[in-house]
Amino acid sequence: MAAESRHSVDTRIRERDAALRRLRRVTALGLAAAGALSVAFGELAANAFSGRSSTTTTAVTTTTKTTATQATATPPPLVSAGSDAQSAAAQAPTQSQAPPVAVSGGT
């Protein structure tokens, strides 16, 4: 009876070990397949959307000779320091006819 029991235990242990080996193999294959699929989908997405190009472009530069002309600005007219200038600065601001401006984002 002991030999028969020992035989069934050994058989169960071998079956268990074989199942664990199969599980490890399937897990490794699944991880490899998941990695390959993620690379494939990444490549597919990279090609589907416009953006940076993987091709090399050469830039063509052209040079043109320009002559610089110096522009002279005319100074603003001088305002006399008399009473006319002081009265113009002392006037109250006038209301404009422009529509009001709404500013968002305030608290």
PDB file of N, CA and C in Angstrom:
ATOM      1  N   MET A   1       0.804  -1.182   0.000  1.00  0.00           N
ATOM      2  CA  MET A   1       0.000   0.000   0.000  1.00  0.00           C
ATOM      3  C   MET A   1       0.857   1.260   0.000  1.00  0.00           C
ATOM      4  N   ALA A   2       1.976   1.248   0.695  1.00  0.00           N
ATOM      5  CA  ALA A   2       2.848   2.403   0.786  1.00  0.00           C
ATOM      6  C   ALA A   2       3.501   2.699  -0.556  1.00  0.00           C
ATOM      7  N   ALA A   3       3.821   1.670  -1.317  1.00  0.00           N
ATOM      8  CA  ALA A   3       4.458   1.869  -2.621  1.00  0.00           C
ATOM      9  C   ALA A   3       3.480   2.502  -3.599  1.00  0.00           C
ATOM     10  N   GLU A   4       2.219   2.053  -3.500  1.00  0.00           N
ATOM     11  CA  GLU A   4       1.196   2.613  -4.367  1.00  0.00           C
ATOM     12  C   GLU A   4       0.954   4.082  -4.038  1.00  0.00           C
ATOM     13  N   SER A   5       0.917   4.396  -2.773  1.00  0.00           N
ATOM     14  CA  SER A   5       0.720   5.773  -2.341  1.00  0.00           C
ATOM     15  C   SER A   5       1.909   6.641  -2.755  1.00  0.00           C
ATOM     16  N   ARG A   6       3.084   6.078  -2.637  1.00  0.00           N
ATOM     17  CA  ARG A   6       4.295   6.823  -3.000  1.00  0.00           C
ATOM     18  C   ARG A   6       4.304   7.103  -4.498  1.00  0.00           C
ATOM     19  N   HIS A   7       3.838   6.145  -5.291  1.00  0.00           N
ATOM     20  CA  HIS A   7       3.792   6.296  -6.738  1.00  0.00           C
ATOM     21  C   HIS A   7       2.832   7.413  -7.146  1.00  0.00           C
ATOM     22  N   SER A   8       1.668   7.470  -6.515  1.00  0.00           N
ATOM     23  CA  SER A   8       0.691   8.512  -6.863  1.00  0.00           C
ATOM     24  C   SER A   8       1.183   9.888  -6.444  1.00  0.00           C
ATOM     25  N   VAL A   9       1.924   9.966  -5.338  1.00  0.00           N
ATOM     26  CA  VAL A   9       2.472  11.250  -4.903  1.00  0.00           C
ATOM     27  C   VAL A   9       3.531  11.714  -5.887  1.00  0.00           C
ATOM     28  N   ASP A  10       4.404  10.810  -6.321  1.00  0.00           N
ATOM     29  CA  ASP A  10       5.434  11.164  -7.295  1.00  0.00           C
ATOM     30  C   ASP A  10       4.809  11.608  -8.618  1.00  0.00           C
ATOM     31  N   THR A  11       3.747  10.939  -9.016  1.00  0.00           N
ATOM     32  CA  THR A  11       3.060  11.301 -10.259  1.00  0.00           C
ATOM     33  C   THR A  11       2.452  12.696 -10.146  1.00  0.00           C
ATOM     34  N   ARG A  12       1.830  12.972  -9.020  1.00  0.00           N
ATOM     35  CA  ARG A  12       1.226  14.297  -8.833  1.00  0.00           C
ATOM     36  C   ARG A  12       2.294  15.386  -8.809  1.00  0.00           C
ATOM     37  N   ILE A  13       3.431  15.087  -8.204  1.00  0.00           N
ATOM     38  CA  ILE A  13       4.515  16.073  -8.145  1.00  0.00           C
ATOM     39  C   ILE A  13       5.043  16.347  -9.552  1.00  0.00           C
ATOM     40  N   ARG A  14       5.232  15.289 -10.353  1.00  0.00           N
ATOM     41  CA  ARG A  14       5.705  15.478 -11.729  1.00  0.00           C
ATOM     42  C   ARG A  14       4.694  16.253 -12.561  1.00  0.00           C
ATOM     43  N   GLU A  15       3.412  15.957 -12.384  1.00  0.00           N
ATOM     44  CA  GLU A  15       2.373  16.689 -13.113  1.00  0.00           C
ATOM     45  C   GLU A  15       2.352  18.162 -12.710  1.00  0.00           C
ATOM     46  N   ARG A  16       2.528  18.408 -11.414  1.00  0.00           N
ATOM     47  CA  ARG A  16       2.570  19.782 -10.925  1.00  0.00           C
ATOM     48  C   ARG A  16       3.766  20.529 -11.517  1.00  0.00           C
ATOM     49  N   ASP A  17       4.929  19.902 -11.501  1.00  0.00           N
ATOM     50  CA  ASP A  17       6.128  20.532 -12.047  1.00  0.00           C
ATOM     51  C   ASP A  17       5.978  20.802 -13.545  1.00  0.00           C
ATOM     52  N   ALA A  18       5.371  19.866 -14.267  1.00  0.00           N
ATOM     53  CA  ALA A  18       5.151  20.052 -15.706  1.00  0.00           C
ATOM     54  C   ALA A  18       4.182  21.213 -15.947  1.00  0.00           C
ATOM     55  N   ALA A  19       3.157  21.295 -15.112  1.00  0.00           N
ATOM     56  CA  ALA A  19       2.199  22.396 -15.258  1.00  0.00           C
ATOM     57  C   ALA A  19       2.862  23.740 -14.954  1.00  0.00           C
ATOM     58  N   LEU A  20       3.737  23.779 -13.952  1.00  0.00           N
ATOM     59  CA  LEU A  20       4.448  25.021 -13.643  1.00  0.00           C
ATOM     60  C   LEU A  20       5.388  25.423 -14.782  1.00  0.00           C
ATOM     61  N   ARG A  21       6.042  24.452 -15.411  1.00  0.00           N
ATOM     62  CA  ARG A  21       6.900  24.757 -16.565  1.00  0.00           C
ATOM     63  C   ARG A  21       6.072  25.314 -17.722  1.00  0.00           C
ATOM     64  N   ARG A  22       4.914  24.713 -17.965  1.00  0.00           N
ATOM     65  CA  ARG A  22       4.029  25.223 -19.022  1.00  0.00           C
ATOM     66  C   ARG A  22       3.573  26.635 -18.704  1.00  0.00           C
ATOM     67  N   LEU A  23       3.242  26.877 -17.448  1.00  0.00           N
ATOM     68  CA  LEU A  23       2.781  28.202 -17.041  1.00  0.00           C
ATOM     69  C   LEU A  23       3.889  29.241 -17.231  1.00  0.00           C
ATOM     70  N   ARG A  24       5.127  28.896 -16.856  1.00  0.00           N
ATOM     71  CA  ARG A  24       6.247  29.812 -17.054  1.00  0.00           C
ATOM     72  C   ARG A  24       6.465  30.096 -18.536  1.00  0.00           C
ATOM     73  N   ARG A  25       6.371  29.061 -19.350  1.00  0.00           N
ATOM     74  CA  ARG A  25       6.558  29.216 -20.796  1.00  0.00           C
ATOM     75  C   ARG A  25       5.462  30.104 -21.391  1.00  0.00           C
ATOM     76  N   VAL A  26       4.223  29.869 -20.994  1.00  0.00           N
ATOM     77  CA  VAL A  26       3.107  30.678 -21.502  1.00  0.00           C
ATOM     78  C   VAL A  26       3.230  32.128 -21.033  1.00  0.00           C
ATOM     79  N   THR A  27       3.666  32.329 -19.790  1.00  0.00           N
ATOM     80  CA  THR A  27       3.851  33.687 -19.273  1.00  0.00           C
ATOM     81  C   THR A  27       4.944  34.419 -20.045  1.00  0.00           C
ATOM     82  N   ALA A  28       6.050  33.749 -20.303  1.00  0.00           N
ATOM     83  CA  ALA A  28       7.147  34.367 -21.056  1.00  0.00           C
ATOM     84  C   ALA A  28       6.702  34.708 -22.472  1.00  0.00           C
ATOM     85  N   LEU A  29       5.987  33.784 -23.118  1.00  0.00           N
ATOM     86  CA  LEU A  29       5.491  34.055 -24.464  1.00  0.00           C
ATOM     87  C   LEU A  29       4.480  35.200 -24.463  1.00  0.00           C
ATOM     88  N   GLY A  30       3.643  35.243 -23.454  1.00  0.00           N
ATOM     89  CA  GLY A  30       2.664  36.337 -23.357  1.00  0.00           C
ATOM     90  C   GLY A  30       3.335  37.689 -23.175  1.00  0.00           C
ATOM     91  N   LEU A  31       4.375  37.726 -22.339  1.00  0.00           N
ATOM     92  CA  LEU A  31       5.101  38.987 -22.160  1.00  0.00           C
ATOM     93  C   LEU A  31       5.816  39.405 -23.440  1.00  0.00           C
ATOM     94  N   ALA A  32       6.401  38.461 -24.139  1.00  0.00           N
ATOM     95  CA  ALA A  32       7.066  38.782 -25.401  1.00  0.00           C
ATOM     96  C   ALA A  32       6.060  39.277 -26.432  1.00  0.00           C
ATOM     97  N   ALA A  33       4.901  38.639 -26.490  1.00  0.00           N
ATOM     98  CA  ALA A  33       3.860  39.073 -27.432  1.00  0.00           C
ATOM     99  C   ALA A  33       3.343  40.464 -27.073  1.00  0.00           C
ATOM    100  N   ALA A  34       3.168  40.737 -25.772  1.00  0.00           N
ATOM    101  CA  ALA A  34       2.701  42.065 -25.356  1.00  0.00           C
ATOM    102  C   ALA A  34       3.723  43.138 -25.715  1.00  0.00           C
ATOM    103  N   GLY A  35       5.004  42.849 -25.530  1.00  0.00           N
ATOM    104  CA  GLY A  35       6.041  43.810 -25.911  1.00  0.00           C
ATOM    105  C   GLY A  35       6.055  44.054 -27.407  1.00  0.00           C
ATOM    106  N   ALA A  36       5.948  42.975 -28.186  1.00  0.00           N
ATOM    107  CA  ALA A  36       5.935  43.116 -29.647  1.00  0.00           C
ATOM    108  C   ALA A  36       4.715  43.910 -30.109  1.00  0.00           C
ATOM    109  N   LEU A  37       3.568  43.649 -29.493  1.00  0.00           N
ATOM    110  CA  LEU A  37       2.360  44.389 -29.877  1.00  0.00           C
ATOM    111  C   LEU A  37       2.465  45.864 -29.507  1.00  0.00           C
ATOM    112  N   SER A  38       3.057  46.164 -28.354  1.00  0.00           N
ATOM    113  CA  SER A  38       3.185  47.570 -27.979  1.00  0.00           C
ATOM    114  C   SER A  38       4.124  48.297 -28.928  1.00  0.00           C
ATOM    115  N   VAL A  39       5.187  47.649 -29.369  1.00  0.00           N
ATOM    116  CA  VAL A  39       6.080  48.268 -30.358  1.00  0.00           C
ATOM    117  C   VAL A  39       5.351  48.454 -31.679  1.00  0.00           C
ATOM    118  N   ALA A  40       4.592  47.453 -32.096  1.00  0.00           N
ATOM    119  CA  ALA A  40       3.871  47.545 -33.366  1.00  0.00           C
ATOM    120  C   ALA A  40       2.822  48.652 -33.326  1.00  0.00           C
ATOM    121  N   PHE A  41       2.066  48.741 -32.232  1.00  0.00           N
ATOM    122  CA  PHE A  41       1.061  49.801 -32.139  1.00  0.00           C
ATOM    123  C   PHE A  41       1.709  51.172 -32.017  1.00  0.00           C
ATOM    124  N   GLY A  42       2.843  51.249 -31.352  1.00  0.00           N
ATOM    125  CA  GLY A  42       3.560  52.522 -31.275  1.00  0.00           C
ATOM    126  C   GLY A  42       4.026  52.979 -32.645  1.00  0.00           C
ATOM    127  N   GLU A  43       4.541  52.055 -33.426  1.00  0.00           N
ATOM    128  CA  GLU A  43       4.966  52.380 -34.793  1.00  0.00           C
ATOM    129  C   GLU A  43       3.769  52.780 -35.641  1.00  0.00           C
ATOM    130  N   LEU A  44       2.675  52.080 -35.477  1.00  0.00           N
ATOM    131  CA  LEU A  44       1.455  52.397 -36.224  1.00  0.00           C
ATOM    132  C   LEU A  44       0.959  53.791 -35.868  1.00  0.00           C
ATOM    133  N   ALA A  45       0.955  54.127 -34.594  1.00  0.00           N
ATOM    134  CA  ALA A  45       0.504  55.449 -34.173  1.00  0.00           C
ATOM    135  C   ALA A  45       1.463  56.529 -34.644  1.00  0.00           C
ATOM    136  N   ALA A  46       2.750  56.247 -34.634  1.00  0.00           N
ATOM    137  CA  ALA A  46       3.722  57.242 -35.084  1.00  0.00           C
ATOM    138  C   ALA A  46       3.559  57.530 -36.570  1.00  0.00           C
ATOM    139  N   ASN A  47       3.208  56.537 -37.339  1.00  0.00           N
ATOM    140  CA  ASN A  47       3.013  56.744 -38.771  1.00  0.00           C
ATOM    141  C   ASN A  47       1.644  57.318 -39.087  1.00  0.00           C
ATOM    142  N   ALA A  48       0.684  57.168 -38.185  1.00  0.00           N
ATOM    143  CA  ALA A  48      -0.682  57.630 -38.455  1.00  0.00           C
ATOM    144  C   ALA A  48      -0.825  59.136 -38.265  1.00  0.00           C
ATOM    145  N   PHE A  49      -0.052  59.717 -37.355  1.00  0.00           N
ATOM    146  CA  PHE A  49      -0.191  61.138 -37.058  1.00  0.00           C
ATOM    147  C   PHE A  49       0.940  61.910 -37.699  1.00  0.00           C
ATOM    148  N   SER A  50       0.585  63.080 -38.246  1.00  0.00           N
ATOM    149  CA  SER A  50       1.627  63.905 -38.846  1.00  0.00           C
ATOM    150  C   SER A  50       2.452  64.541 -37.742  1.00  0.00           C
ATOM    151  N   GLY A  51       3.640  64.801 -38.033  1.00  0.00           N
ATOM    152  CA  GLY A  51       4.539  65.388 -37.043  1.00  0.00           C
ATOM    153  C   GLY A  51       5.923  65.437 -37.618  1.00  0.00           C
ATOM    154  N   ARG A  52       6.866  65.028 -36.840  1.00  0.00           N
ATOM    155  CA  ARG A  52       8.247  65.037 -37.308  1.00  0.00           C
ATOM    156  C   ARG A  52       8.446  63.951 -38.357  1.00  0.00           C
ATOM    157  N   SER A  53       9.264  64.271 -39.309  1.00  0.00           N
ATOM    158  CA  SER A  53       9.545  63.333 -40.374  1.00  0.00           C
ATOM    159  C   SER A  53      10.852  62.616 -40.092  1.00  0.00           C
ATOM    160  N   SER A  54      10.916  61.360 -40.451  1.00  0.00           N
ATOM    161  CA  SER A  54      12.144  60.608 -40.233  1.00  0.00           C
ATOM    162  C   SER A  54      13.100  60.773 -41.404  1.00  0.00           C
ATOM    163  N   THR A  55      12.648  61.449 -42.471  1.00  0.00           N
ATOM    164  CA  THR A  55      13.533  61.665 -43.611  1.00  0.00           C
ATOM    165  C   THR A  55      14.364  62.914 -43.375  1.00  0.00           C
ATOM    166  N   THR A  56      15.529  62.910 -43.935  1.00  0.00           N
ATOM    167  CA  THR A  56      16.438  64.040 -43.777  1.00  0.00           C
ATOM    168  C   THR A  56      16.213  65.011 -44.921  1.00  0.00           C
ATOM    169  N   THR A  57      16.059  66.272 -44.579  1.00  0.00           N
ATOM    170  CA  THR A  57      15.899  67.299 -45.599  1.00  0.00           C
ATOM    171  C   THR A  57      17.138  68.166 -45.593  1.00  0.00           C
ATOM    172  N   THR A  58      17.495  68.620 -46.764  1.00  0.00           N
ATOM    173  CA  THR A  58      18.648  69.510 -46.870  1.00  0.00           C
ATOM    174  C   THR A  58      18.147  70.924 -47.047  1.00  0.00           C
ATOM    175  N   ALA A  59      18.765  71.816 -46.345  1.00  0.00           N
ATOM    176  CA  ALA A  59      18.361  73.214 -46.410  1.00  0.00           C
ATOM    177  C   ALA A  59      19.173  73.921 -47.483  1.00  0.00           C
ATOM    178  N   VAL A  60      18.489  74.713 -48.270  1.00  0.00           N
ATOM    179  CA  VAL A  60      19.144  75.493 -49.308  1.00  0.00           C
ATOM    180  C   VAL A  60      19.202  76.926 -48.815  1.00  0.00           C
ATOM    181  N   THR A  61      20.390  77.454 -48.759  1.00  0.00           N
ATOM    182  CA  THR A  61      20.540  78.830 -48.305  1.00  0.00           C
ATOM    183  C   THR A  61      20.933  79.702 -49.481  1.00  0.00           C
ATOM    184  N   THR A  62      20.310  80.827 -49.555  1.00  0.00           N
ATOM    185  CA  THR A  62      20.647  81.798 -50.590  1.00  0.00           C
ATOM    186  C   THR A  62      21.050  83.086 -49.907  1.00  0.00           C
ATOM    187  N   THR A  63      22.017  83.718 -50.479  1.00  0.00           N
ATOM    188  CA  THR A  63      22.467  84.981 -49.903  1.00  0.00           C
ATOM    189  C   THR A  63      22.167  86.093 -50.896  1.00  0.00           C
ATOM    190  N   THR A  64      21.665  87.157 -50.370  1.00  0.00           N
ATOM    191  CA  THR A  64      21.407  88.332 -51.189  1.00  0.00           C
ATOM    192  C   THR A  64      22.090  89.514 -50.531  1.00  0.00           C
ATOM    193  N   LYS A  65      22.626  90.366 -51.348  1.00  0.00           N
ATOM    194  CA  LYS A  65      23.319  91.525 -50.837  1.00  0.00           C
ATOM    195  C   LYS A  65      22.344  92.696 -50.803  1.00  0.00           C
ATOM    196  N   THR A  66      22.221  93.250 -49.615  1.00  0.00           N
ATOM    197  CA  THR A  66      21.343  94.405 -49.467  1.00  0.00           C
ATOM    198  C   THR A  66      22.176  95.582 -48.985  1.00  0.00           C
ATOM    199  N   THR A  67      21.762  96.724 -49.404  1.00  0.00           N
ATOM    200  CA  THR A  67      22.449  97.932 -48.950  1.00  0.00           C
ATOM    201  C   THR A  67      21.605  98.569 -47.871  1.00  0.00           C
ATOM    202  N   ALA A  68      22.254  98.920 -46.814  1.00  0.00           N
ATOM    203  CA  ALA A  68      21.544  99.504 -45.685  1.00  0.00           C
ATOM    204  C   ALA A  68      21.447 101.018 -45.883  1.00  0.00           C
ATOM    205  N   THR A  69      20.262 101.520 -45.714  1.00  0.00           N
ATOM    206  CA  THR A  69      20.062 102.965 -45.742  1.00  0.00           C
ATOM    207  C   THR A  69      19.673 103.387 -44.344  1.00  0.00           C
ATOM    208  N   GLN A  70      20.232 104.466 -43.931  1.00  0.00           N
ATOM    209  CA  GLN A  70      19.977 104.932 -42.581  1.00  0.00           C
ATOM    210  C   GLN A  70      18.771 105.859 -42.610  1.00  0.00           C
ATOM    211  N   ALA A  71      17.742 105.464 -41.893  1.00  0.00           N
ATOM    212  CA  ALA A  71      16.537 106.278 -41.836  1.00  0.00           C
ATOM    213  C   ALA A  71      16.665 107.278 -40.693  1.00  0.00           C
ATOM    214  N   THR A  72      16.220 108.449 -40.955  1.00  0.00           N
ATOM    215  CA  THR A  72      16.246 109.467 -39.905  1.00  0.00           C
ATOM    216  C   THR A  72      14.814 109.747 -39.485  1.00  0.00           C
ATOM    217  N   ALA A  73      14.602 109.737 -38.215  1.00  0.00           N
ATOM    218  CA  ALA A  73      13.271 110.007 -37.679  1.00  0.00           C
ATOM    219  C   ALA A  73      13.154 111.495 -37.405  1.00  0.00           C
ATOM    220  N   THR A  74      11.979 111.985 -37.689  1.00  0.00           N
ATOM    221  CA  THR A  74      11.751 113.403 -37.403  1.00  0.00           C
ATOM    222  C   THR A  74      11.312 113.533 -35.956  1.00  0.00           C
ATOM    223  N   PRO A  75      11.886 114.466 -35.251  1.00  0.00           N
ATOM    224  CA  PRO A  75      11.516 114.638 -33.852  1.00  0.00           C
ATOM    225  C   PRO A  75      10.105 115.204 -33.732  1.00  0.00           C
ATOM    226  N   PRO A  76       9.441 114.929 -32.627  1.00  0.00           N
ATOM    227  CA  PRO A  76       8.094 115.471 -32.439  1.00  0.00           C
ATOM    228  C   PRO A  76       8.156 116.998 -32.315  1.00  0.00           C
ATOM    229  N   PRO A  77       7.063 117.653 -32.626  1.00  0.00           N
ATOM    230  CA  PRO A  77       7.070 119.115 -32.537  1.00  0.00           C
ATOM    231  C   PRO A  77       7.207 119.559 -31.080  1.00  0.00           C
ATOM    232  N   LEU A  78       7.903 120.644 -30.913  1.00  0.00           N
ATOM    233  CA  LEU A  78       8.104 121.176 -29.568  1.00  0.00           C
ATOM    234  C   LEU A  78       6.853 121.924 -29.110  1.00  0.00           C
ATOM    235  N   VAL A  79       6.529 121.740 -27.848  1.00  0.00           N
ATOM    236  CA  VAL A  79       5.380 122.416 -27.262  1.00  0.00           C
ATOM    237  C   VAL A  79       5.928 123.508 -26.348  1.00  0.00           C
ATOM    238  N   SER A  80       5.342 124.669 -26.442  1.00  0.00           N
ATOM    239  CA  SER A  80       5.842 125.762 -25.608  1.00  0.00           C
ATOM    240  C   SER A  80       5.513 125.505 -24.145  1.00  0.00           C
ATOM    241  N   ALA A  81       6.310 126.033 -23.290  1.00  0.00           N
ATOM    242  CA  ALA A  81       6.126 125.839 -21.857  1.00  0.00           C
ATOM    243  C   ALA A  81       5.151 126.842 -21.280  1.00  0.00           C
ATOM    244  N   GLY A  82       4.386 127.477 -22.101  1.00  0.00           N
ATOM    245  CA  GLY A  82       3.455 128.503 -21.638  1.00  0.00           C
ATOM    246  C   GLY A  82       2.186 127.915 -21.052  1.00  0.00           C
ATOM    247  N   SER A  83       1.205 128.738 -20.916  1.00  0.00           N
ATOM    248  CA  SER A  83      -0.047 128.358 -20.280  1.00  0.00           C
ATOM    249  C   SER A  83      -0.875 127.411 -21.144  1.00  0.00           C
ATOM    250  N   ASP A  84      -0.671 127.403 -22.450  1.00  0.00           N
ATOM    251  CA  ASP A  84      -1.431 126.496 -23.326  1.00  0.00           C
ATOM    252  C   ASP A  84      -1.098 125.033 -23.023  1.00  0.00           C
ATOM    253  N   ALA A  85       0.164 124.720 -22.787  1.00  0.00           N
ATOM    254  CA  ALA A  85       0.557 123.345 -22.509  1.00  0.00           C
ATOM    255  C   ALA A  85       0.034 122.900 -21.154  1.00  0.00           C
ATOM    256  N   GLN A  86       0.034 123.787 -20.185  1.00  0.00           N
ATOM    257  CA  GLN A  86      -0.449 123.420 -18.861  1.00  0.00           C
ATOM    258  C   GLN A  86      -1.952 123.202 -18.859  1.00  0.00           C
ATOM    259  N   SER A  87      -2.674 123.988 -19.628  1.00  0.00           N
ATOM    260  CA  SER A  87      -4.126 123.825 -19.654  1.00  0.00           C
ATOM    261  C   SER A  87      -4.506 122.538 -20.401  1.00  0.00           C
ATOM    262  N   ALA A  88      -3.712 122.137 -21.415  1.00  0.00           N
ATOM    263  CA  ALA A  88      -4.011 120.908 -22.148  1.00  0.00           C
ATOM    264  C   ALA A  88      -3.773 119.691 -21.256  1.00  0.00           C
ATOM    265  N   ALA A  89      -2.748 119.738 -20.413  1.00  0.00           N
ATOM    266  CA  ALA A  89      -2.463 118.618 -19.529  1.00  0.00           C
ATOM    267  C   ALA A  89      -3.435 118.566 -18.362  1.00  0.00           C
ATOM    268  N   ALA A  90      -4.017 119.651 -17.997  1.00  0.00           N
ATOM    269  CA  ALA A  90      -4.910 119.702 -16.852  1.00  0.00           C
ATOM    270  C   ALA A  90      -6.337 119.311 -17.189  1.00  0.00           C
ATOM    271  N   GLN A  91      -6.653 119.091 -18.453  1.00  0.00           N
ATOM    272  CA  GLN A  91      -8.025 118.740 -18.829  1.00  0.00           C
ATOM    273  C   GLN A  91      -8.365 117.337 -18.334  1.00  0.00           C
ATOM    274  N   ALA A  92      -9.619 117.142 -17.989  1.00  0.00           N
ATOM    275  CA  ALA A  92     -10.089 115.840 -17.525  1.00  0.00           C
ATOM    276  C   ALA A  92     -10.200 114.882 -18.708  1.00  0.00           C
ATOM    277  N   PRO A  93     -10.028 113.594 -18.482  1.00  0.00           N
ATOM    278  CA  PRO A  93     -10.165 112.642 -19.584  1.00  0.00           C
ATOM    279  C   PRO A  93     -11.608 112.598 -20.068  1.00  0.00           C
ATOM    280  N   THR A  94     -11.759 112.331 -21.341  1.00  0.00           N
ATOM    281  CA  THR A  94     -13.103 112.264 -21.931  1.00  0.00           C
ATOM    282  C   THR A  94     -13.486 110.802 -22.126  1.00  0.00           C
ATOM    283  N   GLN A  95     -14.789 110.542 -22.077  1.00  0.00           N
ATOM    284  CA  GLN A  95     -15.288 109.179 -22.238  1.00  0.00           C
ATOM    285  C   GLN A  95     -15.330 108.837 -23.713  1.00  0.00           C
ATOM    286  N   SER A  96     -14.851 107.646 -24.049  1.00  0.00           N
ATOM    287  CA  SER A  96     -14.841 107.246 -25.456  1.00  0.00           C
ATOM    288  C   SER A  96     -16.150 106.531 -25.798  1.00  0.00           C
ATOM    289  N   GLN A  97     -16.414 106.380 -27.079  1.00  0.00           N
ATOM    290  CA  GLN A  97     -17.628 105.725 -27.539  1.00  0.00           C
ATOM    291  C   GLN A  97     -17.411 104.239 -27.813  1.00  0.00           C
ATOM    292  N   ALA A  98     -16.275 103.712 -27.463  1.00  0.00           N
ATOM    293  CA  ALA A  98     -15.977 102.297 -27.677  1.00  0.00           C
ATOM    294  C   ALA A  98     -16.779 101.449 -26.691  1.00  0.00           C
ATOM    295  N   PRO A  99     -17.183 100.236 -27.104  1.00  0.00           N
ATOM    296  CA  PRO A  99     -17.923  99.348 -26.189  1.00  0.00           C
ATOM    297  C   PRO A  99     -17.018  98.911 -25.040  1.00  0.00           C
ATOM    298  N   PRO A 100     -17.616  98.544 -23.910  1.00  0.00           N
ATOM    299  CA  PRO A 100     -16.800  98.124 -22.776  1.00  0.00           C
ATOM    300  C   PRO A 100     -16.073  96.811 -23.072  1.00  0.00           C
ATOM    301  N   VAL A 101     -14.942  96.631 -22.437  1.00  0.00           N
ATOM    302  CA  VAL A 101     -14.124  95.434 -22.630  1.00  0.00           C
ATOM    303  C   VAL A 101     -14.312  94.550 -21.424  1.00  0.00           C
ATOM    304  N   ALA A 102     -14.666  93.269 -21.663  1.00  0.00           N
ATOM    305  CA  ALA A 102     -14.835  92.311 -20.575  1.00  0.00           C
ATOM    306  C   ALA A 102     -13.527  91.568 -20.370  1.00  0.00           C
ATOM    307  N   VAL A 103     -13.089  91.489 -19.130  1.00  0.00           N
ATOM    308  CA  VAL A 103     -11.862  90.771 -18.788  1.00  0.00           C
ATOM    309  C   VAL A 103     -12.251  89.548 -17.967  1.00  0.00           C
ATOM    310  N   SER A 104     -11.882  88.377 -18.437  1.00  0.00           N
ATOM    311  CA  SER A 104     -12.224  87.167 -17.695  1.00  0.00           C
ATOM    312  C   SER A 104     -11.017  86.687 -16.902  1.00  0.00           C
ATOM    313  N   GLY A 105     -11.265  85.837 -15.948  1.00  0.00           N
ATOM    314  CA  GLY A 105     -10.188  85.279 -15.157  1.00  0.00           C
ATOM    315  C   GLY A 105      -9.946  86.005 -13.869  1.00  0.00           C
ATOM    316  N   GLY A 106     -10.684  87.058 -13.604  1.00  0.00           N
ATOM    317  CA  GLY A 106     -10.512  87.793 -12.361  1.00  0.00           C
ATOM    318  C   GLY A 106     -11.208  87.102 -11.209  1.00  0.00           C
ATOM    319  N   THR A 107     -10.910  87.528 -10.016  1.00  0.00           N
ATOM    320  CA  THR A 107     -11.555  86.924  -8.854  1.00  0.00           C
ATOM    321  C   THR A 107     -12.619  87.844  -8.291  1.00  0.00           C
TER     322      THR A 107
END
